[in-house]
Amino acid sequence: MAAGQKRNVLVYAQAKKALDQMKYEISKELNIDTSPIQGDYWGNMTARDCGAVGGHMVKRMIEAAERTLSQQAVANVQAGFQAGMASQQQVNQNVTNPNLNLNTLDQHY
C-alpha cells in the first residue's frame, strides 16, 4: 500500500494520545532505542522492536479489560446479593404463621 492510502480509522480518536504515550512508556521499559523514530513515524524501527512494543500494549489492554470485567462482575454479584437479602427480609416480615401467634398462646394452654 502506498503512502497516503491509510484505511485504518480510529474508533476513538481521543485515545490516540494515550496509546502513543503507552507506546513510548513500554519501549522505555523494554530498553528499546527510540532514536530512529522521526516525529510519529516508527518505520525506521526494526519489526522485532515494534512487534514487542505492540505485543506488550495488547497484553496490558487485555489485562485492563479483564480487571474491569471482574470488578463489574463483583459489583453485580454484590448488588444481586443485597437485593436478595432485602427481598428475603420483606418476605420474613410479611409471613405470619398462625401456629406462632403469641396472642392466642394463653387461650390454648
PDB file of N, CA and C in Angstrom:
ATOM      1  N   MET A   1       0.854  -1.162   0.000  1.00  0.00           N
ATOM      2  CA  MET A   1       0.000   0.000   0.000  1.00  0.00           C
ATOM      3  C   MET A   1       0.902   1.228   0.000  1.00  0.00           C
ATOM      4  N   ALA A   2       0.650   2.153  -0.849  1.00  0.00           N
ATOM      5  CA  ALA A   2       1.466   3.360  -0.963  1.00  0.00           C
ATOM      6  C   ALA A   2       1.176   4.307   0.184  1.00  0.00           C
ATOM      7  N   ALA A   3       2.105   5.210   0.402  1.00  0.00           N
ATOM      8  CA  ALA A   3       1.929   6.206   1.465  1.00  0.00           C
ATOM      9  C   ALA A   3       0.713   7.072   1.155  1.00  0.00           C
ATOM     10  N   GLY A   4      -0.047   7.394   2.176  1.00  0.00           N
ATOM     11  CA  GLY A   4      -1.226   8.228   1.985  1.00  0.00           C
ATOM     12  C   GLY A   4      -2.501   7.450   1.776  1.00  0.00           C
ATOM     13  N   GLN A   5      -2.405   6.124   1.674  1.00  0.00           N
ATOM     14  CA  GLN A   5      -3.598   5.301   1.478  1.00  0.00           C
ATOM     15  C   GLN A   5      -3.954   4.579   2.770  1.00  0.00           C
ATOM     16  N   LYS A   6      -4.081   5.328   3.812  1.00  0.00           N
ATOM     17  CA  LYS A   6      -4.380   4.748   5.117  1.00  0.00           C
ATOM     18  C   LYS A   6      -5.856   4.373   5.182  1.00  0.00           C
ATOM     19  N   ARG A   7      -6.133   3.130   5.465  1.00  0.00           N
ATOM     20  CA  ARG A   7      -7.509   2.646   5.533  1.00  0.00           C
ATOM     21  C   ARG A   7      -7.978   2.453   6.975  1.00  0.00           C
ATOM     22  N   ASN A   8      -7.053   2.456   7.920  1.00  0.00           N
ATOM     23  CA  ASN A   8      -7.441   2.275   9.315  1.00  0.00           C
ATOM     24  C   ASN A   8      -8.093   3.557   9.828  1.00  0.00           C
ATOM     25  N   VAL A   9      -9.236   3.404  10.441  1.00  0.00           N
ATOM     26  CA  VAL A   9      -9.953   4.538  11.007  1.00  0.00           C
ATOM     27  C   VAL A   9     -10.018   4.349  12.516  1.00  0.00           C
ATOM     28  N   LEU A  10      -9.661   5.378  13.257  1.00  0.00           N
ATOM     29  CA  LEU A  10      -9.698   5.299  14.704  1.00  0.00           C
ATOM     30  C   LEU A  10     -11.142   5.283  15.190  1.00  0.00           C
ATOM     31  N   VAL A  11     -11.448   4.362  16.075  1.00  0.00           N
ATOM     32  CA  VAL A  11     -12.792   4.289  16.642  1.00  0.00           C
ATOM     33  C   VAL A  11     -12.972   5.422  17.638  1.00  0.00           C
ATOM     34  N   TYR A  12     -11.980   5.615  18.490  1.00  0.00           N
ATOM     35  CA  TYR A  12     -11.988   6.702  19.465  1.00  0.00           C
ATOM     36  C   TYR A  12     -10.746   7.550  19.229  1.00  0.00           C
ATOM     37  N   ALA A  13     -10.915   8.640  18.548  1.00  0.00           N
ATOM     38  CA  ALA A  13      -9.780   9.493  18.221  1.00  0.00           C
ATOM     39  C   ALA A  13      -9.130  10.063  19.479  1.00  0.00           C
ATOM     40  N   GLN A  14      -9.894  10.198  20.566  1.00  0.00           N
ATOM     41  CA  GLN A  14      -9.358  10.740  21.803  1.00  0.00           C
ATOM     42  C   GLN A  14      -8.322   9.799  22.433  1.00  0.00           C
ATOM     43  N   ALA A  15      -8.356   8.529  22.091  1.00  0.00           N
ATOM     44  CA  ALA A  15      -7.452   7.545  22.677  1.00  0.00           C
ATOM     45  C   ALA A  15      -6.079   7.553  22.018  1.00  0.00           C
ATOM     46  N   LYS A  16      -5.916   8.226  20.890  1.00  0.00           N
ATOM     47  CA  LYS A  16      -4.646   8.209  20.163  1.00  0.00           C
ATOM     48  C   LYS A  16      -3.501   8.719  21.020  1.00  0.00           C
ATOM     49  N   LYS A  17      -3.723   9.810  21.716  1.00  0.00           N
ATOM     50  CA  LYS A  17      -2.661  10.394  22.541  1.00  0.00           C
ATOM     51  C   LYS A  17      -2.257   9.425  23.657  1.00  0.00           C
ATOM     52  N   ALA A  18      -3.234   8.808  24.302  1.00  0.00           N
ATOM     53  CA  ALA A  18      -2.947   7.861  25.385  1.00  0.00           C
ATOM     54  C   ALA A  18      -2.211   6.630  24.849  1.00  0.00           C
ATOM     55  N   LEU A  19      -2.611   6.146  23.676  1.00  0.00           N
ATOM     56  CA  LEU A  19      -1.934   4.988  23.084  1.00  0.00           C
ATOM     57  C   LEU A  19      -0.501   5.320  22.685  1.00  0.00           C
ATOM     58  N   ASP A  20      -0.295   6.513  22.146  1.00  0.00           N
ATOM     59  CA  ASP A  20       1.068   6.929  21.811  1.00  0.00           C
ATOM     60  C   ASP A  20       1.934   7.023  23.064  1.00  0.00           C
ATOM     61  N   GLN A  21       1.371   7.563  24.124  1.00  0.00           N
ATOM     62  CA  GLN A  21       2.109   7.670  25.381  1.00  0.00           C
ATOM     63  C   GLN A  21       2.449   6.271  25.904  1.00  0.00           C
ATOM     64  N   MET A  22       1.496   5.357  25.823  1.00  0.00           N
ATOM     65  CA  MET A  22       1.734   3.983  26.258  1.00  0.00           C
ATOM     66  C   MET A  22       2.840   3.345  25.435  1.00  0.00           C
ATOM     67  N   LYS A  23       2.839   3.624  24.141  1.00  0.00           N
ATOM     68  CA  LYS A  23       3.840   3.069  23.239  1.00  0.00           C
ATOM     69  C   LYS A  23       5.250   3.472  23.671  1.00  0.00           C
ATOM     70  N   TYR A  24       5.427   4.750  23.991  1.00  0.00           N
ATOM     71  CA  TYR A  24       6.741   5.234  24.403  1.00  0.00           C
ATOM     72  C   TYR A  24       7.123   4.716  25.790  1.00  0.00           C
ATOM     73  N   GLU A  25       6.154   4.604  26.703  1.00  0.00           N
ATOM     74  CA  GLU A  25       6.435   4.071  28.039  1.00  0.00           C
ATOM     75  C   GLU A  25       6.902   2.624  27.961  1.00  0.00           C
ATOM     76  N   ILE A  26       6.224   1.834  27.148  1.00  0.00           N
ATOM     77  CA  ILE A  26       6.587   0.424  27.016  1.00  0.00           C
ATOM     78  C   ILE A  26       7.943   0.276  26.349  1.00  0.00           C
ATOM     79  N   SER A  27       8.206   1.070  25.328  1.00  0.00           N
ATOM     80  CA  SER A  27       9.512   0.980  24.667  1.00  0.00           C
ATOM     81  C   SER A  27      10.634   1.357  25.632  1.00  0.00           C
ATOM     82  N   LYS A  28      10.354   2.302  26.529  1.00  0.00           N
ATOM     83  CA  LYS A  28      11.349   2.687  27.529  1.00  0.00           C
ATOM     84  C   LYS A  28      11.564   1.545  28.516  1.00  0.00           C
ATOM     85  N   GLU A  29      10.468   0.896  28.963  1.00  0.00           N
ATOM     86  CA  GLU A  29      10.577  -0.222  29.900  1.00  0.00           C
ATOM     87  C   GLU A  29      11.317  -1.405  29.289  1.00  0.00           C
ATOM     88  N   LEU A  30      11.159  -1.609  27.991  1.00  0.00           N
ATOM     89  CA  LEU A  30      11.818  -2.719  27.304  1.00  0.00           C
ATOM     90  C   LEU A  30      13.230  -2.360  26.847  1.00  0.00           C
ATOM     91  N   ASN A  31      13.675  -1.169  27.173  1.00  0.00           N
ATOM     92  CA  ASN A  31      15.004  -0.675  26.781  1.00  0.00           C
ATOM     93  C   ASN A  31      15.197  -0.701  25.267  1.00  0.00           C
ATOM     94  N   ILE A  32      14.185  -0.295  24.553  1.00  0.00           N
ATOM     95  CA  ILE A  32      14.246  -0.226  23.095  1.00  0.00           C
ATOM     96  C   ILE A  32      14.660   1.184  22.716  1.00  0.00           C
ATOM     97  N   ASP A  33      15.654   1.261  21.850  1.00  0.00           N
ATOM     98  CA  ASP A  33      16.164   2.563  21.395  1.00  0.00           C
ATOM     99  C   ASP A  33      15.125   3.231  20.494  1.00  0.00           C
ATOM    100  N   THR A  34      14.638   4.390  20.909  1.00  0.00           N
ATOM    101  CA  THR A  34      13.627   5.099  20.123  1.00  0.00           C
ATOM    102  C   THR A  34      14.224   6.236  19.310  1.00  0.00           C
ATOM    103  N   SER A  35      15.545   6.280  19.211  1.00  0.00           N
ATOM    104  CA  SER A  35      16.164   7.370  18.440  1.00  0.00           C
ATOM    105  C   SER A  35      15.832   7.328  16.950  1.00  0.00           C
ATOM    106  N   PRO A  36      15.607   6.146  16.329  1.00  0.00           N
ATOM    107  CA  PRO A  36      15.246   6.147  14.902  1.00  0.00           C
ATOM    108  C   PRO A  36      13.858   6.717  14.606  1.00  0.00           C
ATOM    109  N   ILE A  37      13.040   6.951  15.644  1.00  0.00           N
ATOM    110  CA  ILE A  37      11.689   7.461  15.422  1.00  0.00           C
ATOM    111  C   ILE A  37      11.795   8.920  15.002  1.00  0.00           C
ATOM    112  N   GLN A  38      11.161   9.249  13.884  1.00  0.00           N
ATOM    113  CA  GLN A  38      11.156  10.620  13.378  1.00  0.00           C
ATOM    114  C   GLN A  38       9.726  11.140  13.443  1.00  0.00           C
ATOM    115  N   GLY A  39       9.513  12.048  14.377  1.00  0.00           N
ATOM    116  CA  GLY A  39       8.162  12.548  14.579  1.00  0.00           C
ATOM    117  C   GLY A  39       7.312  11.442  15.167  1.00  0.00           C
ATOM    118  N   ASP A  40       6.313  10.994  14.422  1.00  0.00           N
ATOM    119  CA  ASP A  40       5.469   9.897  14.862  1.00  0.00           C
ATOM    120  C   ASP A  40       5.657   8.685  13.949  1.00  0.00           C
ATOM    121  N   TYR A  41       6.702   8.691  13.159  1.00  0.00           N
ATOM    122  CA  TYR A  41       6.966   7.634  12.184  1.00  0.00           C
ATOM    123  C   TYR A  41       7.901   6.593  12.774  1.00  0.00           C
ATOM    124  N   TRP A  42       7.400   5.377  12.927  1.00  0.00           N
ATOM    125  CA  TRP A  42       8.184   4.285  13.502  1.00  0.00           C
ATOM    126  C   TRP A  42       8.747   3.357  12.421  1.00  0.00           C
ATOM    127  N   GLY A  43       8.689   3.784  11.175  1.00  0.00           N
ATOM    128  CA  GLY A  43       9.114   2.945  10.055  1.00  0.00           C
ATOM    129  C   GLY A  43      10.584   2.609  10.050  1.00  0.00           C
ATOM    130  N   ASN A  44      11.396   3.379  10.718  1.00  0.00           N
ATOM    131  CA  ASN A  44      12.834   3.111  10.757  1.00  0.00           C
ATOM    132  C   ASN A  44      13.205   2.160  11.901  1.00  0.00           C
ATOM    133  N   MET A  45      12.218   1.759  12.698  1.00  0.00           N
ATOM    134  CA  MET A  45      12.468   0.807  13.780  1.00  0.00           C
ATOM    135  C   MET A  45      12.435  -0.603  13.211  1.00  0.00           C
ATOM    136  N   THR A  46      13.071  -1.538  13.909  1.00  0.00           N
ATOM    137  CA  THR A  46      13.022  -2.926  13.445  1.00  0.00           C
ATOM    138  C   THR A  46      11.634  -3.499  13.718  1.00  0.00           C
ATOM    139  N   ALA A  47      11.241  -4.459  12.907  1.00  0.00           N
ATOM    140  CA  ALA A  47       9.939  -5.106  13.082  1.00  0.00           C
ATOM    141  C   ALA A  47       9.884  -5.826  14.423  1.00  0.00           C
ATOM    142  N   ARG A  48      11.005  -6.358  14.850  1.00  0.00           N
ATOM    143  CA  ARG A  48      11.065  -7.063  16.133  1.00  0.00           C
ATOM    144  C   ARG A  48      10.757  -6.111  17.284  1.00  0.00           C
ATOM    145  N   ASP A  49      11.355  -4.923  17.264  1.00  0.00           N
ATOM    146  CA  ASP A  49      11.127  -3.942  18.324  1.00  0.00           C
ATOM    147  C   ASP A  49       9.685  -3.431  18.307  1.00  0.00           C
ATOM    148  N   CYS A  50       9.189  -3.120  17.110  1.00  0.00           N
ATOM    149  CA  CYS A  50       7.805  -2.640  17.007  1.00  0.00           C
ATOM    150  C   CYS A  50       6.827  -3.719  17.440  1.00  0.00           C
ATOM    151  N   GLY A  51       7.098  -4.964  17.087  1.00  0.00           N
ATOM    152  CA  GLY A  51       6.235  -6.070  17.487  1.00  0.00           C
ATOM    153  C   GLY A  51       6.243  -6.282  18.987  1.00  0.00           C
ATOM    154  N   ALA A  52       7.410  -6.120  19.598  1.00  0.00           N
ATOM    155  CA  ALA A  52       7.498  -6.268  21.050  1.00  0.00           C
ATOM    156  C   ALA A  52       6.680  -5.189  21.749  1.00  0.00           C
ATOM    157  N   VAL A  53       6.792  -3.963  21.265  1.00  0.00           N
ATOM    158  CA  VAL A  53       6.034  -2.861  21.861  1.00  0.00           C
ATOM    159  C   VAL A  53       4.538  -3.101  21.657  1.00  0.00           C
ATOM    160  N   GLY A  54       4.136  -3.451  20.452  1.00  0.00           N
ATOM    161  CA  GLY A  54       2.725  -3.707  20.168  1.00  0.00           C
ATOM    162  C   GLY A  54       2.182  -4.873  20.971  1.00  0.00           C
ATOM    163  N   GLY A  55       2.956  -5.922  21.110  1.00  0.00           N
ATOM    164  CA  GLY A  55       2.531  -7.083  21.885  1.00  0.00           C
ATOM    165  C   GLY A  55       2.307  -6.749  23.349  1.00  0.00           C
ATOM    166  N   HIS A  56       3.217  -5.968  23.919  1.00  0.00           N
ATOM    167  CA  HIS A  56       3.062  -5.564  25.310  1.00  0.00           C
ATOM    168  C   HIS A  56       1.879  -4.606  25.484  1.00  0.00           C
ATOM    169  N   MET A  57       1.631  -3.777  24.483  1.00  0.00           N
ATOM    170  CA  MET A  57       0.466  -2.882  24.553  1.00  0.00           C
ATOM    171  C   MET A  57      -0.825  -3.694  24.605  1.00  0.00           C
ATOM    172  N   VAL A  58      -0.928  -4.693  23.737  1.00  0.00           N
ATOM    173  CA  VAL A  58      -2.122  -5.536  23.691  1.00  0.00           C
ATOM    174  C   VAL A  58      -2.280  -6.290  25.003  1.00  0.00           C
ATOM    175  N   LYS A  59      -1.158  -6.803  25.524  1.00  0.00           N
ATOM    176  CA  LYS A  59      -1.201  -7.541  26.781  1.00  0.00           C
ATOM    177  C   LYS A  59      -1.746  -6.657  27.901  1.00  0.00           C
ATOM    178  N   ARG A  60      -1.292  -5.426  27.990  1.00  0.00           N
ATOM    179  CA  ARG A  60      -1.754  -4.512  29.041  1.00  0.00           C
ATOM    180  C   ARG A  60      -3.212  -4.122  28.852  1.00  0.00           C
ATOM    181  N   MET A  61      -3.628  -3.923  27.607  1.00  0.00           N
ATOM    182  CA  MET A  61      -5.025  -3.566  27.371  1.00  0.00           C
ATOM    183  C   MET A  61      -5.950  -4.726  27.731  1.00  0.00           C
ATOM    184  N   ILE A  62      -5.531  -5.957  27.458  1.00  0.00           N
ATOM    185  CA  ILE A  62      -6.326  -7.125  27.825  1.00  0.00           C
ATOM    186  C   ILE A  62      -6.403  -7.249  29.343  1.00  0.00           C
ATOM    187  N   GLU A  63      -5.283  -7.028  30.026  1.00  0.00           N
ATOM    188  CA  GLU A  63      -5.284  -7.075  31.488  1.00  0.00           C
ATOM    189  C   GLU A  63      -6.239  -6.027  32.063  1.00  0.00           C
ATOM    190  N   ALA A  64      -6.217  -4.827  31.495  1.00  0.00           N
ATOM    191  CA  ALA A  64      -7.098  -3.761  31.975  1.00  0.00           C
ATOM    192  C   ALA A  64      -8.563  -4.124  31.734  1.00  0.00           C
ATOM    193  N   ALA A  65      -8.861  -4.706  30.578  1.00  0.00           N
ATOM    194  CA  ALA A  65     -10.239  -5.097  30.272  1.00  0.00           C
ATOM    195  C   ALA A  65     -10.699  -6.217  31.202  1.00  0.00           C
ATOM    196  N   GLU A  66      -9.822  -7.190  31.470  1.00  0.00           N
ATOM    197  CA  GLU A  66     -10.181  -8.273  32.386  1.00  0.00           C
ATOM    198  C   GLU A  66     -10.423  -7.740  33.791  1.00  0.00           C
ATOM    199  N   ARG A  67      -9.581  -6.807  34.225  1.00  0.00           N
ATOM    200  CA  ARG A  67      -9.738  -6.211  35.551  1.00  0.00           C
ATOM    201  C   ARG A  67     -11.079  -5.482  35.650  1.00  0.00           C
ATOM    202  N   THR A  68     -11.424  -4.732  34.607  1.00  0.00           N
ATOM    203  CA  THR A  68     -12.686  -4.003  34.590  1.00  0.00           C
ATOM    204  C   THR A  68     -13.872  -4.960  34.611  1.00  0.00           C
ATOM    205  N   LEU A  69     -13.808  -6.031  33.813  1.00  0.00           N
ATOM    206  CA  LEU A  69     -14.894  -7.009  33.778  1.00  0.00           C
ATOM    207  C   LEU A  69     -15.059  -7.714  35.117  1.00  0.00           C
ATOM    208  N   SER A  70     -13.947  -8.049  35.759  1.00  0.00           N
ATOM    209  CA  SER A  70     -14.056  -8.734  37.049  1.00  0.00           C
ATOM    210  C   SER A  70     -14.629  -7.797  38.107  1.00  0.00           C
ATOM    211  N   GLN A  71     -14.267  -6.520  38.067  1.00  0.00           N
ATOM    212  CA  GLN A  71     -14.829  -5.560  39.013  1.00  0.00           C
ATOM    213  C   GLN A  71     -16.326  -5.385  38.783  1.00  0.00           C
ATOM    214  N   GLN A  72     -16.748  -5.367  37.531  1.00  0.00           N
ATOM    215  CA  GLN A  72     -18.169  -5.262  37.221  1.00  0.00           C
ATOM    216  C   GLN A  72     -18.915  -6.510  37.690  1.00  0.00           C
ATOM    217  N   ALA A  73     -18.312  -7.678  37.509  1.00  0.00           N
ATOM    218  CA  ALA A  73     -18.954  -8.917  37.941  1.00  0.00           C
ATOM    219  C   ALA A  73     -19.125  -8.936  39.454  1.00  0.00           C
ATOM    220  N   VAL A  74     -18.088  -8.505  40.168  1.00  0.00           N
ATOM    221  CA  VAL A  74     -18.177  -8.465  41.631  1.00  0.00           C
ATOM    222  C   VAL A  74     -19.267  -7.486  42.058  1.00  0.00           C
ATOM    223  N   ALA A  75     -19.324  -6.327  41.417  1.00  0.00           N
ATOM    224  CA  ALA A  75     -20.348  -5.334  41.748  1.00  0.00           C
ATOM    225  C   ALA A  75     -21.748  -5.893  41.480  1.00  0.00           C
ATOM    226  N   ASN A  76     -21.920  -6.624  40.376  1.00  0.00           N
ATOM    227  CA  ASN A  76     -23.223  -7.220  40.056  1.00  0.00           C
ATOM    228  C   ASN A  76     -23.612  -8.291  41.068  1.00  0.00           C
ATOM    229  N   VAL A  77     -22.652  -9.098  41.488  1.00  0.00           N
ATOM    230  CA  VAL A  77     -22.936 -10.136  42.475  1.00  0.00           C
ATOM    231  C   VAL A  77     -23.327  -9.500  43.802  1.00  0.00           C
ATOM    232  N   GLN A  78     -22.591  -8.465  44.199  1.00  0.00           N
ATOM    233  CA  GLN A  78     -22.909  -7.790  45.453  1.00  0.00           C
ATOM    234  C   GLN A  78     -24.295  -7.152  45.385  1.00  0.00           C
ATOM    235  N   ALA A  79     -24.615  -6.516  44.285  1.00  0.00           N
ATOM    236  CA  ALA A  79     -25.930  -5.890  44.143  1.00  0.00           C
ATOM    237  C   ALA A  79     -27.033  -6.944  44.163  1.00  0.00           C
ATOM    238  N   GLY A  80     -26.815  -8.057  43.497  1.00  0.00           N
ATOM    239  CA  GLY A  80     -27.792  -9.136  43.497  1.00  0.00           C
ATOM    240  C   GLY A  80     -27.973  -9.735  44.881  1.00  0.00           C
ATOM    241  N   PHE A  81     -26.877  -9.905  45.594  1.00  0.00           N
ATOM    242  CA  PHE A  81     -26.952 -10.442  46.950  1.00  0.00           C
ATOM    243  C   PHE A  81     -27.727  -9.498  47.863  1.00  0.00           C
ATOM    244  N   GLN A  82     -27.433  -8.209  47.769  1.00  0.00           N
ATOM    245  CA  GLN A  82     -28.140  -7.239  48.605  1.00  0.00           C
ATOM    246  C   GLN A  82     -29.621  -7.181  48.258  1.00  0.00           C
ATOM    247  N   ALA A  83     -29.940  -7.265  46.977  1.00  0.00           N
ATOM    248  CA  ALA A  83     -31.345  -7.262  46.563  1.00  0.00           C
ATOM    249  C   ALA A  83     -32.044  -8.523  47.068  1.00  0.00           C
ATOM    250  N   GLY A  84     -31.351  -9.643  47.005  1.00  0.00           N
ATOM    251  CA  GLY A  84     -31.917 -10.893  47.505  1.00  0.00           C
ATOM    252  C   GLY A  84     -32.151 -10.849  49.008  1.00  0.00           C
ATOM    253  N   MET A  85     -31.208 -10.269  49.724  1.00  0.00           N
ATOM    254  CA  MET A  85     -31.368 -10.148  51.183  1.00  0.00           C
ATOM    255  C   MET A  85     -32.528  -9.221  51.520  1.00  0.00           C
ATOM    256  N   ALA A  86     -32.678  -8.142  50.783  1.00  0.00           N
ATOM    257  CA  ALA A  86     -33.772  -7.195  51.031  1.00  0.00           C
ATOM    258  C   ALA A  86     -35.123  -7.857  50.760  1.00  0.00           C
ATOM    259  N   SER A  87     -35.217  -8.616  49.675  1.00  0.00           N
ATOM    260  CA  SER A  87     -36.485  -9.283  49.369  1.00  0.00           C
ATOM    261  C   SER A  87     -36.768 -10.383  50.387  1.00  0.00           C
ATOM    262  N   GLN A  88     -35.733 -11.052  50.878  1.00  0.00           N
ATOM    263  CA  GLN A  88     -35.919 -12.092  51.899  1.00  0.00           C
ATOM    264  C   GLN A  88     -36.413 -11.473  53.200  1.00  0.00           C
ATOM    265  N   GLN A  89     -35.907 -10.298  53.547  1.00  0.00           N
ATOM    266  CA  GLN A  89     -36.369  -9.613  54.756  1.00  0.00           C
ATOM    267  C   GLN A  89     -37.836  -9.206  54.619  1.00  0.00           C
ATOM    268  N   GLN A  90     -38.227  -8.768  53.428  1.00  0.00           N
ATOM    269  CA  GLN A  90     -39.628  -8.410  53.201  1.00  0.00           C
ATOM    270  C   GLN A  90     -40.522  -9.639  53.339  1.00  0.00           C
ATOM    271  N   VAL A  91     -40.087 -10.755  52.806  1.00  0.00           N
ATOM    272  CA  VAL A  91     -40.862 -11.990  52.892  1.00  0.00           C
ATOM    273  C   VAL A  91     -40.988 -12.399  54.354  1.00  0.00           C
ATOM    274  N   ASN A  92     -39.912 -12.307  55.100  1.00  0.00           N
ATOM    275  CA  ASN A  92     -39.941 -12.687  56.514  1.00  0.00           C
ATOM    276  C   ASN A  92     -40.857 -11.780  57.317  1.00  0.00           C
ATOM    277  N   GLN A  93     -40.937 -10.526  56.968  1.00  0.00           N
ATOM    278  CA  GLN A  93     -41.801  -9.600  57.681  1.00  0.00           C
ATOM    279  C   GLN A  93     -43.265  -9.803  57.326  1.00  0.00           C
ATOM    280  N   ASN A  94     -43.555 -10.208  56.113  1.00  0.00           N
ATOM    281  CA  ASN A  94     -44.936 -10.352  55.648  1.00  0.00           C
ATOM    282  C   ASN A  94     -45.554 -11.703  56.001  1.00  0.00           C
ATOM    283  N   VAL A  95     -44.745 -12.694  56.296  1.00  0.00           N
ATOM    284  CA  VAL A  95     -45.261 -14.030  56.565  1.00  0.00           C
ATOM    285  C   VAL A  95     -45.664 -14.106  58.035  1.00  0.00           C
ATOM    286  N   THR A  96     -46.907 -14.508  58.262  1.00  0.00           N
ATOM    287  CA  THR A  96     -47.385 -14.741  59.628  1.00  0.00           C
ATOM    288  C   THR A  96     -47.811 -16.182  59.731  1.00  0.00           C
ATOM    289  N   ASN A  97     -47.388 -16.826  60.757  1.00  0.00           N
ATOM    290  CA  ASN A  97     -47.712 -18.225  60.980  1.00  0.00           C
ATOM    291  C   ASN A  97     -48.760 -18.285  62.081  1.00  0.00           C
ATOM    292  N   PRO A  98     -49.947 -18.808  61.809  1.00  0.00           N
ATOM    293  CA  PRO A  98     -50.981 -18.840  62.839  1.00  0.00           C
ATOM    294  C   PRO A  98     -50.593 -19.700  64.030  1.00  0.00           C
ATOM    295  N   ASN A  99     -49.732 -20.661  63.852  1.00  0.00           N
ATOM    296  CA  ASN A  99     -49.304 -21.519  64.957  1.00  0.00           C
ATOM    297  C   ASN A  99     -48.373 -20.789  65.920  1.00  0.00           C
ATOM    298  N   LEU A 100     -47.792 -19.691  65.448  1.00  0.00           N
ATOM    299  CA  LEU A 100     -46.855 -18.957  66.287  1.00  0.00           C
ATOM    300  C   LEU A 100     -47.451 -17.656  66.795  1.00  0.00           C
ATOM    301  N   ASN A 101     -48.737 -17.502  66.777  1.00  0.00           N
ATOM    302  CA  ASN A 101     -49.380 -16.285  67.237  1.00  0.00           C
ATOM    303  C   ASN A 101     -49.341 -16.258  68.768  1.00  0.00           C
ATOM    304  N   LEU A 102     -48.591 -15.366  69.337  1.00  0.00           N
ATOM    305  CA  LEU A 102     -48.399 -15.306  70.781  1.00  0.00           C
ATOM    306  C   LEU A 102     -49.646 -14.797  71.509  1.00  0.00           C
ATOM    307  N   ASN A 103     -50.527 -14.093  70.838  1.00  0.00           N
ATOM    308  CA  ASN A 103     -51.752 -13.575  71.482  1.00  0.00           C
ATOM    309  C   ASN A 103     -52.700 -14.701  71.865  1.00  0.00           C
ATOM    310  N   THR A 104     -52.709 -15.774  71.085  1.00  0.00           N
ATOM    311  CA  THR A 104     -53.629 -16.879  71.357  1.00  0.00           C
ATOM    312  C   THR A 104     -52.960 -18.000  72.116  1.00  0.00           C
ATOM    313  N   LEU A 105     -51.730 -17.825  72.488  1.00  0.00           N
ATOM    314  CA  LEU A 105     -50.990 -18.881  73.168  1.00  0.00           C
ATOM    315  C   LEU A 105     -51.618 -19.243  74.511  1.00  0.00           C
ATOM    316  N   ASP A 106     -52.029 -18.235  75.282  1.00  0.00           N
ATOM    317  CA  ASP A 106     -52.613 -18.491  76.584  1.00  0.00           C
ATOM    318  C   ASP A 106     -53.979 -19.172  76.472  1.00  0.00           C
ATOM    319  N   GLN A 107     -54.685 -18.925  75.396  1.00  0.00           N
ATOM    320  CA  GLN A 107     -56.021 -19.483  75.250  1.00  0.00           C
ATOM    321  C   GLN A 107     -55.983 -20.986  75.022  1.00  0.00           C
ATOM    322  N   HIS A 108     -54.941 -21.476  74.371  1.00  0.00           N
ATOM    323  CA  HIS A 108     -54.859 -22.901  74.074  1.00  0.00           C
ATOM    324  C   HIS A 108     -54.329 -23.702  75.251  1.00  0.00           C
ATOM    325  N   TYR A 109     -53.575 -23.106  76.123  1.00  0.00           N
ATOM    326  CA  TYR A 109     -52.929 -23.877  77.194  1.00  0.00           C
ATOM    327  C   TYR A 109     -53.430 -23.426  78.516  1.00  0.00           C
TER     328      TYR A 109
END
